[in-house]
Amino acid sequence: MIGWRSRSVRISIRALTARERSVLSLPDHAQRRCTLSLAYRQGENTWICRILDSGGYDCPLVTSDGMPVLKDANATTDKRGVLTLDMPLPGTHRTPPLAWQHYPHTDGFILPWTHAGKLRPGLSFVGSERGRCGFFVEHVVPHSAGRCVRPSGAIYEPCFSQQRDFVVHGLAACGFPGNTQFVRFVITARL
């Protein structure tokens, strides 16, 4: 959680509330999972992060919209983003390193490109899209990440440009935390 810096956190194993599911557009039968509620700033709405099947955490920014202020914090992140529980949660244990964690990654997002601009061995593309791409400034994804938008308006994020910048006719790889499969995105224009 390097991008988060110092935060108060509430960690629990729970299903999302009806309100949280409606904001995230998740089905009513959302299962119990490790969930982190992070206070962005003292006294402000929280962000909700949920562990994915990959072992990475998804922290959509939309979760801060209308969510309550953090209460009953039981963990913190330090200035480097390292998460520390005040006490272990009953019935939980430390997980072993996950297979995808041997790739260079930041905040659970695998950095897909080598310095030579090749997709790292073991990673793959599962689809192809076209549209506008560019950098965006948010605190929960790596600084090198961007957003790509299809002509229909569908948004893909985070996306990583094959080159240092999102260059027209260049490529971006768009994925999810901890996922080794990416959508290949052909950049038609800059955002």
Protein backbone atom coordinates (compact mmCIF):
# COMPACT_ATOMS: atom_id res chain seq x y z
CA MET A 1 0.00 0.00 0.00
CA ILE A 2 2.91 2.30 -0.83
CA GLY A 3 0.67 4.86 -2.52
CA TRP A 4 -1.48 5.31 0.58
CA ARG A 5 1.23 6.67 2.93
CA SER A 6 0.20 7.06 6.60
CA ARG A 7 -3.45 6.20 7.19
CA SER A 8 -5.77 4.86 9.85
CA VAL A 9 -7.30 1.56 8.74
CA ARG A 10 -10.10 -0.79 9.80
CA ILE A 11 -9.52 -4.39 8.68
CA SER A 12 -12.29 -6.96 8.90
CA ILE A 13 -13.52 -10.15 7.29
CA ARG A 14 -17.00 -9.23 6.16
CA ALA A 15 -19.50 -8.90 3.36
CA LEU A 16 -20.07 -5.41 2.03
CA THR A 17 -23.13 -3.53 3.24
CA ALA A 18 -26.04 -2.92 0.85
CA ARG A 19 -24.92 0.71 0.55
CA GLU A 20 -21.33 -0.29 -0.31
CA ARG A 21 -22.54 -2.87 -2.87
CA SER A 22 -24.76 -0.28 -4.56
CA VAL A 23 -21.90 2.24 -4.83
CA LEU A 24 -19.59 -0.46 -6.23
CA SER A 25 -22.30 -2.05 -8.41
CA LEU A 26 -21.65 -5.47 -6.88
CA PRO A 27 -24.25 -8.25 -6.68
CA ASP A 28 -26.34 -8.62 -3.52
CA HIS A 29 -24.70 -11.96 -2.73
CA ALA A 30 -21.20 -10.48 -2.32
CA GLN A 31 -19.27 -12.90 -0.13
CA ARG A 32 -17.29 -12.30 3.02
CA ARG A 33 -13.73 -11.21 2.21
CA CYS A 34 -10.90 -9.34 3.81
CA THR A 35 -11.96 -5.71 3.61
CA LEU A 36 -9.94 -2.61 4.43
CA SER A 37 -11.54 0.72 5.18
CA LEU A 38 -8.98 3.51 4.90
CA ALA A 39 -9.34 7.07 6.12
CA TYR A 40 -7.98 9.37 3.44
CA ARG A 41 -7.85 12.32 5.81
CA GLN A 42 -8.99 12.56 9.41
CA GLY A 43 -12.74 13.14 9.58
CA GLU A 44 -13.36 12.45 5.86
CA ASN A 45 -15.08 9.59 4.06
CA THR A 46 -13.32 6.25 3.84
CA TRP A 47 -12.13 4.20 0.89
CA ILE A 48 -13.13 0.55 0.82
CA CYS A 49 -10.64 -2.04 -0.47
CA ARG A 50 -11.49 -5.71 -1.02
CA ILE A 51 -9.13 -8.61 -1.55
CA LEU A 52 -9.48 -10.19 -5.00
CA ASP A 53 -9.05 -13.84 -5.92
CA SER A 54 -5.53 -12.90 -7.10
CA GLY A 55 -4.58 -11.80 -3.57
CA GLY A 56 -4.29 -8.16 -4.65
CA TYR A 57 -6.57 -5.48 -3.20
CA ASP A 58 -9.00 -3.48 -5.33
CA CYS A 59 -9.60 0.04 -3.99
CA PRO A 60 -12.00 1.83 -6.34
CA LEU A 61 -12.08 5.56 -5.69
CA VAL A 62 -15.87 5.60 -6.03
CA THR A 63 -16.08 3.95 -2.61
CA SER A 64 -15.20 7.23 -0.91
CA ASP A 65 -18.35 8.87 -2.31
CA GLY A 66 -20.88 8.95 0.49
CA MET A 67 -19.13 6.41 2.71
CA PRO A 68 -19.03 7.06 6.45
CA VAL A 69 -16.09 8.40 8.42
CA LEU A 70 -13.72 5.66 9.63
CA LYS A 71 -14.49 4.32 13.11
CA ASP A 72 -12.80 1.65 15.22
CA ALA A 73 -9.44 1.65 13.44
CA ASN A 74 -7.46 -1.50 14.19
CA ALA A 75 -4.43 -0.93 11.95
CA THR A 76 -2.29 1.77 10.38
CA THR A 77 -0.12 2.26 7.35
CA ASP A 78 3.20 4.03 7.86
CA LYS A 79 4.80 6.66 5.61
CA ARG A 80 6.08 3.87 3.33
CA GLY A 81 2.59 2.35 3.13
CA VAL A 82 3.38 -0.72 5.24
CA LEU A 83 0.21 -2.02 6.88
CA THR A 84 0.41 -3.07 10.55
CA LEU A 85 -2.44 -4.62 12.51
CA ASP A 86 -2.80 -3.62 16.16
CA MET A 87 -3.68 -7.27 16.96
CA PRO A 88 -4.12 -10.33 14.71
CA LEU A 89 -7.69 -10.92 13.57
CA PRO A 90 -9.17 -14.10 15.07
CA GLY A 91 -9.19 -17.01 12.60
CA THR A 92 -6.68 -15.44 10.19
CA HIS A 93 -3.05 -16.15 9.37
CA ARG A 94 -0.25 -14.58 7.38
CA THR A 95 -0.38 -15.69 3.76
CA PRO A 96 2.70 -16.99 1.98
CA PRO A 97 4.07 -14.87 -0.88
CA LEU A 98 1.80 -15.10 -3.92
CA ALA A 99 3.06 -16.28 -7.33
CA TRP A 100 2.57 -12.87 -8.98
CA GLN A 101 4.59 -11.07 -6.29
CA HIS A 102 7.89 -12.05 -7.95
CA TYR A 103 7.05 -9.52 -10.70
CA PRO A 104 7.92 -5.87 -10.11
CA HIS A 105 4.76 -4.41 -8.61
CA THR A 106 3.45 -1.42 -6.72
CA ASP A 107 0.39 -1.56 -4.49
CA GLY A 108 -0.55 -4.93 -6.00
CA PHE A 109 -0.33 -3.71 -9.60
CA ILE A 110 2.16 -5.69 -11.68
CA LEU A 111 4.37 -3.44 -13.80
CA PRO A 112 3.97 -5.31 -17.10
CA TRP A 113 6.71 -3.87 -19.32
CA THR A 114 10.46 -4.50 -19.28
CA HIS A 115 12.83 -1.54 -19.79
CA ALA A 116 13.07 -2.68 -23.43
CA GLY A 117 9.28 -2.31 -23.84
CA LYS A 118 8.49 -6.03 -23.95
CA LEU A 119 5.73 -7.70 -21.98
CA ARG A 120 7.35 -9.53 -19.07
CA PRO A 121 7.64 -13.33 -19.47
CA GLY A 122 4.67 -15.10 -17.92
CA LEU A 123 2.28 -12.19 -18.51
CA SER A 124 -0.26 -12.27 -21.32
CA PHE A 125 -2.91 -10.27 -23.16
CA VAL A 126 -6.53 -11.49 -22.99
CA GLY A 127 -8.14 -8.94 -25.26
CA SER A 128 -7.52 -5.87 -27.34
CA GLU A 129 -9.12 -2.43 -27.27
CA ARG A 130 -8.55 0.98 -28.84
CA GLY A 131 -9.05 4.49 -27.51
CA ARG A 132 -7.63 7.53 -25.73
CA CYS A 133 -5.09 7.14 -22.92
CA GLY A 134 -3.22 9.40 -20.53
CA PHE A 135 -1.85 9.83 -17.03
CA PHE A 136 -4.07 10.70 -14.11
CA VAL A 137 -3.30 11.93 -10.64
CA GLU A 138 -4.71 9.67 -7.93
CA HIS A 139 -3.12 8.42 -4.75
CA VAL A 140 -4.06 4.75 -4.99
CA VAL A 141 -2.26 3.55 -8.09
CA PRO A 142 1.36 3.71 -9.18
CA HIS A 143 2.46 7.09 -10.50
CA SER A 144 3.37 5.50 -13.85
CA ALA A 145 -0.20 4.30 -14.37
CA GLY A 146 -2.84 5.93 -16.51
CA ARG A 147 -6.35 5.56 -17.75
CA CYS A 148 -7.57 4.46 -21.18
CA VAL A 149 -11.06 5.18 -22.49
CA ARG A 150 -12.81 3.39 -25.35
CA PRO A 151 -14.89 5.47 -27.80
CA SER A 152 -18.00 4.10 -26.02
CA GLY A 153 -16.79 5.77 -22.81
CA ALA A 154 -15.79 2.53 -21.04
CA ILE A 155 -12.83 3.25 -18.75
CA TYR A 156 -9.87 0.93 -18.19
CA GLU A 157 -7.51 1.57 -15.31
CA PRO A 158 -4.82 1.24 -14.35
CA CYS A 159 -3.05 1.13 -17.69
CA PHE A 160 0.70 1.11 -18.19
CA SER A 161 2.20 2.62 -21.33
CA GLN A 162 4.78 0.57 -23.22
CA GLN A 163 6.85 3.76 -23.52
CA ARG A 164 7.54 6.45 -20.92
CA ASP A 165 4.53 8.40 -22.13
CA PHE A 166 1.15 7.50 -23.64
CA VAL A 167 2.11 7.93 -27.30
CA VAL A 168 -0.49 7.91 -30.09
CA HIS A 169 -0.30 4.54 -31.93
CA GLY A 170 1.62 3.12 -28.97
CA LEU A 171 0.44 0.37 -26.64
CA ALA A 172 -0.76 0.22 -23.06
CA ALA A 173 -1.42 -2.81 -20.87
CA CYS A 174 -4.47 -2.48 -18.60
CA GLY A 175 -5.07 -4.82 -15.67
CA PHE A 176 -6.26 -5.48 -12.15
CA PRO A 177 -4.34 -5.85 -8.88
CA GLY A 178 -2.36 -9.10 -8.83
CA ASN A 179 -3.56 -10.20 -12.25
CA THR A 180 -1.05 -11.54 -14.78
CA GLN A 181 -3.43 -11.04 -17.71
CA PHE A 182 -3.83 -7.63 -19.32
CA VAL A 183 -5.99 -5.97 -21.96
CA ARG A 184 -3.84 -4.76 -24.86
CA PHE A 185 -4.86 -1.16 -25.55
CA VAL A 186 -3.89 0.62 -28.79
CA ILE A 187 -3.64 4.37 -28.09
CA THR A 188 -5.53 6.41 -30.71
CA ALA A 189 -5.28 9.80 -28.92
CA ARG A 190 -4.15 11.34 -25.66
CA LEU A 191 -6.57 12.13 -22.84
